[in-house]
Amino acid sequence: MATITGVQLGELGLEGKLEILNFSALASLRVLNLSDNHIHGSIPVAISALSKLIFLDLSTNNLTGVIPSELGNLTRLNTLLLAENQISSSIPPSFGKLLNLNWLTISRNFLVGPIPPVFGNLTKLNFLYLWRNDLTGSIPCTIGNLVNLREFDISDNHITGPIPQGIANLTKLETFHLFNNSINGSIPSEIGNLVNLRDFSIYKNQIIGPIPHSIGTLTKLETLYLYNNNINNSIPYEIGNLVNLRDFDISNNHIIGPIPHSTRNLTKVKTFHLFNNNINGSIPYEIRNLVNLRDFDISDNQITGPIPHSIRNLINLETFHLFNNSINGSIPSEIGILVNLRDFSIYKNQIIWVPFHIALEP
């Protein structure tokens, strides 16, 4: 009989429990994929007998109970996928023995407890997804050991404490998702070391302090979501260095000062949200450079001065929210050029004149 090294049974509607499998008869197994089925029950300890296993995918099933600590004995594992189940245990510290692990996903479960500091041993890890669980505690300082990490997502948990300065070592990181937790403290200036970062999303936390000037080194950044925090001070001039930025949202904070003229460099930006802050000054004339802009919202601030005629260049604009400011002057007739505009809201300002062609619109 030929030696079985791989079992690929994903998306077949399989039912039942893993306990019925005779894992001892599969000692040479290297790949086990049972994802996207209807398997229920717990993960059996016996699975740890598959000492040659390098790929284990049990994601998108109905598995319950705990993660057995014996999984830490599968030291050849390269990929471990347990996402989208109903596992309700803590992450066993024995996972710190999985030194060959490249990809770990346990998102969309009911995990409790902290992220084990022994995760710092997993120096080959590229992808770590723990989002949408009930994890508590802080981000361990040992995270700085994961120098090969490319994507890190612990969003939608109950994580507290600050972002550790050890992130300075994560120079290969491209995706950094911490949103919807209770993380506090300020954004460390070491964030500037993450020169490959494309998506930095830490919205809906308790972040305080300013946006560090070092953010200007993140020239590959495409998404910067800092909204719904307690960030203060002004927008750093270095924000203009983020020439690949497409989505920028720092709404619902305590930002002060004007919109920096350096934003003229953000020519790829599509979403620009600054609403509900304490921003003052006028809308910069250089807004004309943002030719890809679709959604511009600076409502609920202290913006003064007129709407610049340079808005004529924003031909892709769909949403233009300026309401609840102190904007004065008239609405420039160039507004009529913005044929894609669907929502133009400027109420609660000091506008004195509306162009005739707008006033006649039904």
Protein backbone atom coordinates (compact mmCIF):
# COMPACT_ATOMS: atom_id res chain seq x y z
CA MET A 1 0.00 0.00 0.00
CA ALA A 2 1.32 3.43 -0.95
CA THR A 3 2.24 5.82 1.83
CA ILE A 4 -0.30 8.63 2.17
CA THR A 5 1.39 12.02 2.46
CA GLY A 6 -1.51 14.32 1.67
CA VAL A 7 -5.24 14.47 2.39
CA GLN A 8 -7.14 17.25 0.60
CA LEU A 9 -10.83 17.10 1.53
CA GLY A 10 -11.81 20.76 1.67
CA GLU A 11 -15.26 22.04 0.64
CA LEU A 12 -16.92 18.62 0.41
CA GLY A 13 -19.68 19.04 2.98
CA LEU A 14 -18.11 16.49 5.30
CA GLU A 15 -19.74 15.98 8.70
CA GLY A 16 -18.81 14.19 11.91
CA LYS A 17 -15.99 14.44 14.42
CA LEU A 18 -12.23 14.28 13.99
CA GLU A 19 -12.02 11.69 16.79
CA ILE A 20 -13.17 8.96 14.42
CA LEU A 21 -10.02 9.27 12.32
CA ASN A 22 -7.16 6.87 12.99
CA PHE A 23 -4.30 9.36 12.97
CA SER A 24 -1.76 6.70 13.98
CA ALA A 25 -2.28 5.11 10.55
CA LEU A 26 -1.31 8.37 8.84
CA ALA A 27 2.16 8.75 10.31
CA SER A 28 3.65 9.96 7.00
CA LEU A 29 1.04 12.65 6.43
CA ARG A 30 2.49 16.04 5.48
CA VAL A 31 -0.66 17.85 4.34
CA LEU A 32 -4.11 17.69 5.97
CA ASN A 33 -6.82 19.95 4.59
CA LEU A 34 -10.35 19.53 5.98
CA SER A 35 -11.41 23.16 5.61
CA ASP A 36 -14.88 24.43 4.68
CA ASN A 37 -16.85 21.43 5.91
CA HIS A 38 -19.29 20.74 8.75
CA ILE A 39 -16.94 18.97 11.12
CA HIS A 40 -17.85 19.42 14.79
CA GLY A 41 -16.52 18.43 18.17
CA SER A 42 -13.07 19.26 19.50
CA ILE A 43 -9.59 19.03 18.03
CA PRO A 44 -8.32 15.65 19.24
CA VAL A 45 -4.99 15.31 21.03
CA ALA A 46 -4.25 12.36 18.73
CA ILE A 47 -3.66 14.73 15.83
CA SER A 48 -0.32 15.56 17.44
CA ALA A 49 0.88 12.10 16.35
CA LEU A 50 1.26 13.46 12.80
CA SER A 51 4.86 14.44 13.45
CA LYS A 52 5.67 15.00 9.76
CA LEU A 53 2.80 17.41 9.18
CA ILE A 54 3.75 20.71 7.56
CA PHE A 55 0.27 21.96 6.56
CA LEU A 56 -2.86 21.73 8.72
CA ASP A 57 -6.09 23.46 7.70
CA LEU A 58 -9.19 22.93 9.86
CA SER A 59 -10.68 26.35 9.17
CA THR A 60 -14.35 27.10 8.52
CA ASN A 61 -15.90 24.20 10.40
CA ASN A 62 -17.85 23.92 13.66
CA LEU A 63 -15.02 22.90 15.95
CA THR A 64 -15.46 23.71 19.64
CA GLY A 65 -13.55 23.30 22.88
CA VAL A 66 -9.90 24.02 23.44
CA ILE A 67 -6.78 24.05 21.32
CA PRO A 68 -4.80 21.09 22.67
CA SER A 69 -1.36 22.06 23.89
CA GLU A 70 -0.05 18.95 22.15
CA LEU A 71 -0.32 20.78 18.81
CA GLY A 72 2.92 22.41 19.88
CA ASN A 73 4.61 19.07 19.20
CA LEU A 74 4.00 19.44 15.44
CA THR A 75 7.31 21.23 15.11
CA ARG A 76 7.53 20.81 11.33
CA LEU A 77 4.35 22.81 10.77
CA ASN A 78 4.68 25.59 8.25
CA THR A 79 0.98 26.51 8.05
CA LEU A 80 -1.68 26.23 10.77
CA LEU A 81 -5.19 27.45 9.89
CA LEU A 82 -7.95 27.21 12.51
CA ALA A 83 -10.04 30.26 11.56
CA GLU A 84 -13.84 30.45 11.56
CA ASN A 85 -14.68 27.86 14.18
CA GLN A 86 -16.06 28.09 17.71
CA ILE A 87 -12.89 27.39 19.66
CA SER A 88 -13.13 28.97 23.10
CA SER A 89 -9.78 28.41 24.78
CA SER A 90 -6.64 30.42 25.26
CA ILE A 91 -3.70 30.09 22.88
CA PRO A 92 -1.43 27.41 24.39
CA PRO A 93 2.11 28.56 25.22
CA SER A 94 3.31 25.36 23.56
CA PHE A 95 2.81 27.16 20.24
CA GLY A 96 6.14 28.77 21.00
CA LYS A 97 7.74 25.50 19.86
CA LEU A 98 6.41 25.83 16.29
CA LEU A 99 9.66 27.37 15.09
CA ASN A 100 9.01 26.61 11.41
CA LEU A 101 5.62 28.27 11.33
CA ASN A 102 5.14 30.69 8.45
CA TRP A 103 1.37 31.22 8.59
CA LEU A 104 -0.87 31.15 11.67
CA THR A 105 -4.57 31.96 11.48
CA ILE A 106 -6.98 31.55 14.40
CA SER A 107 -9.28 34.46 13.57
CA ARG A 108 -13.08 34.42 14.04
CA ASN A 109 -13.23 32.16 17.08
CA PHE A 110 -13.83 32.80 20.77
CA LEU A 111 -10.24 32.78 21.96
CA VAL A 112 -9.63 34.24 25.42
CA GLY A 113 -6.60 35.29 27.40
CA PRO A 114 -3.45 37.05 26.21
CA ILE A 115 -1.25 36.68 23.18
CA PRO A 116 1.51 34.42 24.56
CA PRO A 117 4.91 36.14 24.81
CA VAL A 118 6.44 32.91 23.46
CA PHE A 119 5.13 33.98 20.05
CA GLY A 120 8.41 35.87 19.93
CA ASN A 121 10.06 32.53 19.18
CA LEU A 122 8.26 32.25 15.84
CA THR A 123 10.84 34.19 13.89
CA LYS A 124 9.89 32.64 10.53
CA LEU A 125 6.30 33.85 10.79
CA ASN A 126 5.05 35.89 7.81
CA PHE A 127 1.32 35.99 8.55
CA LEU A 128 -0.33 36.20 11.98
CA TYR A 129 -4.12 36.57 12.09
CA LEU A 130 -5.90 36.57 15.45
CA TRP A 131 -8.70 39.01 14.63
CA ARG A 132 -12.28 38.85 15.92
CA ASN A 133 -11.79 36.92 19.14
CA ASP A 134 -12.00 37.81 22.83
CA LEU A 135 -8.28 38.17 23.46
CA THR A 136 -7.16 40.39 26.33
CA GLY A 137 -3.88 41.74 27.67
CA SER A 138 -1.33 43.77 25.80
CA ILE A 139 0.71 43.23 22.66
CA PRO A 140 3.79 41.36 23.95
CA CYS A 141 7.11 43.15 23.61
CA THR A 142 8.49 39.98 22.04
CA ILE A 143 6.52 40.85 18.90
CA GLY A 144 9.67 42.72 17.90
CA ASN A 145 11.37 39.37 17.32
CA LEU A 146 9.12 38.57 14.35
CA VAL A 147 11.40 40.22 11.84
CA ASN A 148 9.87 38.38 8.87
CA LEU A 149 6.29 39.35 9.65
CA ARG A 150 4.38 40.77 6.69
CA GLU A 151 0.80 40.85 7.94
CA PHE A 152 -0.31 41.24 11.56
CA ASP A 153 -4.02 41.46 12.41
CA ILE A 154 -5.37 41.41 15.97
CA SER A 155 -8.36 43.65 15.29
CA ASP A 156 -11.75 43.19 16.98
CA ASN A 157 -10.48 41.94 20.34
CA HIS A 158 -10.08 43.45 23.82
CA ILE A 159 -6.38 44.23 23.63
CA THR A 160 -5.12 46.93 26.02
CA GLY A 161 -1.85 48.70 26.68
CA PRO A 162 0.40 50.57 24.26
CA ILE A 163 1.88 49.70 20.89
CA PRO A 164 5.32 48.38 21.89
CA GLN A 165 8.43 50.14 20.64
CA GLY A 166 9.71 46.76 19.49
CA ILE A 167 7.68 47.18 16.32
CA ALA A 168 10.73 49.06 15.06
CA ASN A 169 12.14 45.68 14.03
CA LEU A 170 9.18 44.73 11.82
CA THR A 171 10.63 46.30 8.71
CA LYS A 172 8.95 43.81 6.35
CA LEU A 173 5.46 44.51 7.70
CA GLU A 174 2.90 45.47 5.05
CA THR A 175 -0.41 45.18 6.95
CA PHE A 176 -0.79 46.31 10.57
CA HIS A 177 -4.37 45.97 11.87
CA LEU A 178 -5.07 46.82 15.51
CA PHE A 179 -8.51 48.41 15.11
CA ASN A 180 -11.46 48.01 17.45
CA ASN A 181 -9.57 47.25 20.65
CA SER A 182 -8.77 49.27 23.78
CA ILE A 183 -5.15 50.05 22.93
CA ASN A 184 -3.87 53.20 24.62
CA GLY A 185 -0.73 55.29 24.67
CA SER A 186 0.63 57.13 21.68
CA ILE A 187 1.73 56.00 18.23
CA PRO A 188 5.45 55.28 18.76
CA SER A 189 7.85 57.21 16.58
CA GLU A 190 9.35 53.82 15.69
CA ILE A 191 6.43 53.39 13.29
CA GLY A 192 8.66 55.22 10.83
CA ASN A 193 10.87 52.13 10.57
CA LEU A 194 8.10 50.16 8.86
CA VAL A 195 9.03 51.37 5.40
CA ASN A 196 7.12 48.59 3.61
CA LEU A 197 3.83 49.31 5.37
CA ARG A 198 0.81 49.63 3.07
CA ASP A 199 -2.12 49.44 5.49
CA PHE A 200 -1.98 50.94 9.00
CA SER A 201 -5.41 50.71 10.64
CA ILE A 202 -5.72 51.45 14.37
CA TYR A 203 -9.14 53.10 14.47
CA LYS A 204 -11.56 52.67 17.39
CA ASN A 205 -9.00 52.52 20.18
CA GLN A 206 -7.88 54.90 22.91
CA ILE A 207 -4.75 56.22 21.22
CA ILE A 208 -3.56 59.59 22.51
CA GLY A 209 -0.86 62.07 21.57
CA PRO A 210 0.17 63.36 18.16
CA ILE A 211 0.64 61.69 14.81
CA PRO A 212 4.45 61.27 14.81
CA HIS A 213 6.46 63.13 12.19
CA SER A 214 8.18 59.84 11.38
CA ILE A 215 5.01 58.73 9.61
CA GLY A 216 6.38 60.60 6.61
CA THR A 217 8.84 57.78 5.92
CA LEU A 218 6.00 55.36 5.10
CA THR A 219 5.96 56.24 1.43
CA LYS A 220 4.32 52.93 0.39
CA LEU A 221 1.33 53.53 2.64
CA GLU A 222 -2.04 53.24 0.87
CA THR A 223 -4.44 53.12 3.83
CA LEU A 224 -4.11 55.21 7.00
CA TYR A 225 -7.08 54.81 9.35
CA LEU A 226 -6.66 56.55 12.72
CA TYR A 227 -10.26 57.61 13.32
CA ASN A 228 -12.20 57.32 16.60
CA ASN A 229 -9.28 57.80 18.97
CA ASN A 230 -8.04 60.64 21.18
CA ILE A 231 -5.23 61.81 18.91
CA ASN A 232 -4.36 65.48 19.29
CA ASN A 233 -2.00 68.11 17.93
CA SER A 234 -1.79 69.08 14.27
CA ILE A 235 -1.47 67.02 11.11
CA PRO A 236 2.29 66.71 10.50
CA TYR A 237 3.60 68.38 7.37
CA GLU A 238 5.32 65.09 6.52
CA ILE A 239 1.92 63.62 5.66
CA GLY A 240 2.60 65.00 2.19
CA ASN A 241 5.31 62.38 1.71
CA LEU A 242 2.67 59.62 1.54
CA VAL A 243 2.33 59.89 -2.22
CA ASN A 244 0.69 56.45 -2.57
CA LEU A 245 -2.03 57.14 -0.02
CA ARG A 246 -5.54 56.27 -1.19
CA ASP A 247 -7.60 56.26 2.01
CA PHE A 248 -6.92 58.77 4.79
CA ASP A 249 -9.24 58.98 7.80
CA ILE A 250 -8.40 60.76 11.07
CA SER A 251 -11.97 61.76 11.90
CA ASN A 252 -13.38 61.83 15.45
CA ASN A 253 -10.18 62.87 17.20
CA HIS A 254 -8.88 66.12 18.71
CA ILE A 255 -6.74 67.31 15.80
CA ILE A 256 -5.96 71.03 15.76
CA GLY A 257 -4.31 73.45 13.36
CA PRO A 258 -4.78 73.82 9.59
CA ILE A 259 -4.82 71.30 6.79
CA PRO A 260 -1.15 71.34 5.72
CA HIS A 261 -0.34 72.54 2.22
CA SER A 262 1.77 69.42 1.76
CA THR A 263 -1.46 67.47 1.20
CA ARG A 264 -1.16 68.71 -2.38
CA ASN A 265 1.13 65.72 -2.96
CA LEU A 266 -1.59 63.17 -2.17
CA THR A 267 -2.66 62.91 -5.78
CA LYS A 268 -3.81 59.27 -5.48
CA VAL A 269 -6.04 59.82 -2.46
CA LYS A 270 -9.71 58.86 -2.91
CA THR A 271 -11.02 59.17 0.65
CA PHE A 272 -10.06 62.18 2.78
CA HIS A 273 -11.86 62.29 6.14
CA LEU A 274 -11.02 64.87 8.81
CA PHE A 275 -14.50 65.41 10.25
CA ASN A 276 -15.27 66.06 13.92
CA ASN A 277 -11.96 67.55 15.01
CA ASN A 278 -10.79 71.06 15.92
CA ILE A 279 -9.10 71.85 12.62
CA ASN A 280 -8.98 75.53 11.65
CA GLY A 281 -7.70 77.63 8.78
CA SER A 282 -9.04 77.52 5.26
CA ILE A 283 -9.40 74.83 2.62
CA PRO A 284 -6.02 74.95 0.86
CA TYR A 285 -6.07 76.07 -2.76
CA GLU A 286 -3.82 73.09 -3.51
CA ILE A 287 -6.81 70.80 -3.13
CA ARG A 288 -6.95 71.06 -6.91
CA ASN A 289 -4.15 68.46 -7.09
CA LEU A 290 -6.30 65.72 -5.56
CA VAL A 291 -7.78 64.75 -8.90
CA ASN A 292 -8.70 61.20 -7.79
CA LEU A 293 -10.65 62.39 -4.77
CA ARG A 294 -14.11 60.85 -4.38
CA ASP A 295 -15.03 61.43 -0.74
CA PHE A 296 -13.98 64.66 1.02
CA ASP A 297 -15.34 65.29 4.51
CA ILE A 298 -14.07 68.07 6.78
CA SER A 299 -17.39 68.69 8.53
CA ASP A 300 -17.67 69.56 12.24
CA ASN A 301 -14.47 71.58 12.48
CA GLN A 302 -13.55 75.27 12.66
CA ILE A 303 -12.70 75.80 9.00
CA THR A 304 -12.91 79.40 7.80
CA GLY A 305 -12.50 81.22 4.52
CA PRO A 306 -14.16 80.51 1.17
CA ILE A 307 -14.51 77.37 -0.89
CA PRO A 308 -11.61 77.70 -3.36
CA HIS A 309 -12.35 77.92 -7.07
CA SER A 310 -9.71 75.25 -7.58
CA ILE A 311 -12.31 72.59 -6.74
CA ARG A 312 -13.00 72.64 -10.48
CA ASN A 313 -10.29 69.97 -10.84
CA LEU A 314 -12.04 67.45 -8.57
CA ILE A 315 -14.01 65.86 -11.38
CA ASN A 316 -14.25 62.47 -9.62
CA LEU A 317 -15.72 63.92 -6.43
CA GLU A 318 -18.90 62.19 -5.22
CA THR A 319 -19.22 63.36 -1.60
CA PHE A 320 -18.31 66.90 -0.47
CA HIS A 321 -19.06 67.53 3.22
CA LEU A 322 -18.20 70.93 4.64
CA PHE A 323 -21.09 71.38 7.08
CA ASN A 324 -20.85 72.83 10.59
CA ASN A 325 -17.83 75.05 10.07
CA SER A 326 -17.36 78.80 9.61
CA ILE A 327 -16.86 78.79 5.85
CA ASN A 328 -17.86 82.08 4.25
CA GLY A 329 -18.17 83.65 0.84
CA SER A 330 -20.18 82.23 -2.00
CA ILE A 331 -20.36 78.80 -3.52
CA PRO A 332 -18.06 78.97 -6.55
CA SER A 333 -19.80 78.45 -9.86
CA GLU A 334 -17.20 75.78 -10.64
CA ILE A 335 -19.23 73.43 -8.47
CA GLY A 336 -21.31 72.81 -11.58
CA ILE A 337 -18.36 71.11 -13.26
CA LEU A 338 -18.38 68.31 -10.68
CA VAL A 339 -20.76 66.07 -12.59
CA ASN A 340 -20.15 63.04 -10.36
CA LEU A 341 -21.13 64.87 -7.17
CA ARG A 342 -23.94 63.10 -5.31
CA ASP A 343 -23.79 64.66 -1.84
CA PHE A 344 -22.90 68.33 -1.37
CA SER A 345 -23.56 69.31 2.27
CA ILE A 346 -22.54 72.79 3.44
CA TYR A 347 -25.20 73.65 6.02
CA LYS A 348 -24.30 75.49 9.25
CA ASN A 349 -21.75 77.80 7.64
CA GLN A 350 -21.73 81.46 6.63
CA ILE A 351 -22.33 81.04 2.91
CA ILE A 352 -23.81 84.19 1.39
CA TRP A 353 -24.60 83.26 -2.20
CA VAL A 354 -25.62 80.19 -4.16
CA PRO A 355 -24.95 80.07 -7.93
CA PHE A 356 -28.09 80.52 -10.01
CA HIS A 357 -27.78 77.16 -11.78
CA ILE A 358 -27.68 75.34 -8.41
CA ALA A 359 -30.56 77.31 -6.95
CA LEU A 360 -32.77 76.20 -9.85
CA GLU A 361 -32.01 72.50 -9.39
CA PRO A 362 -35.17 70.54 -8.46
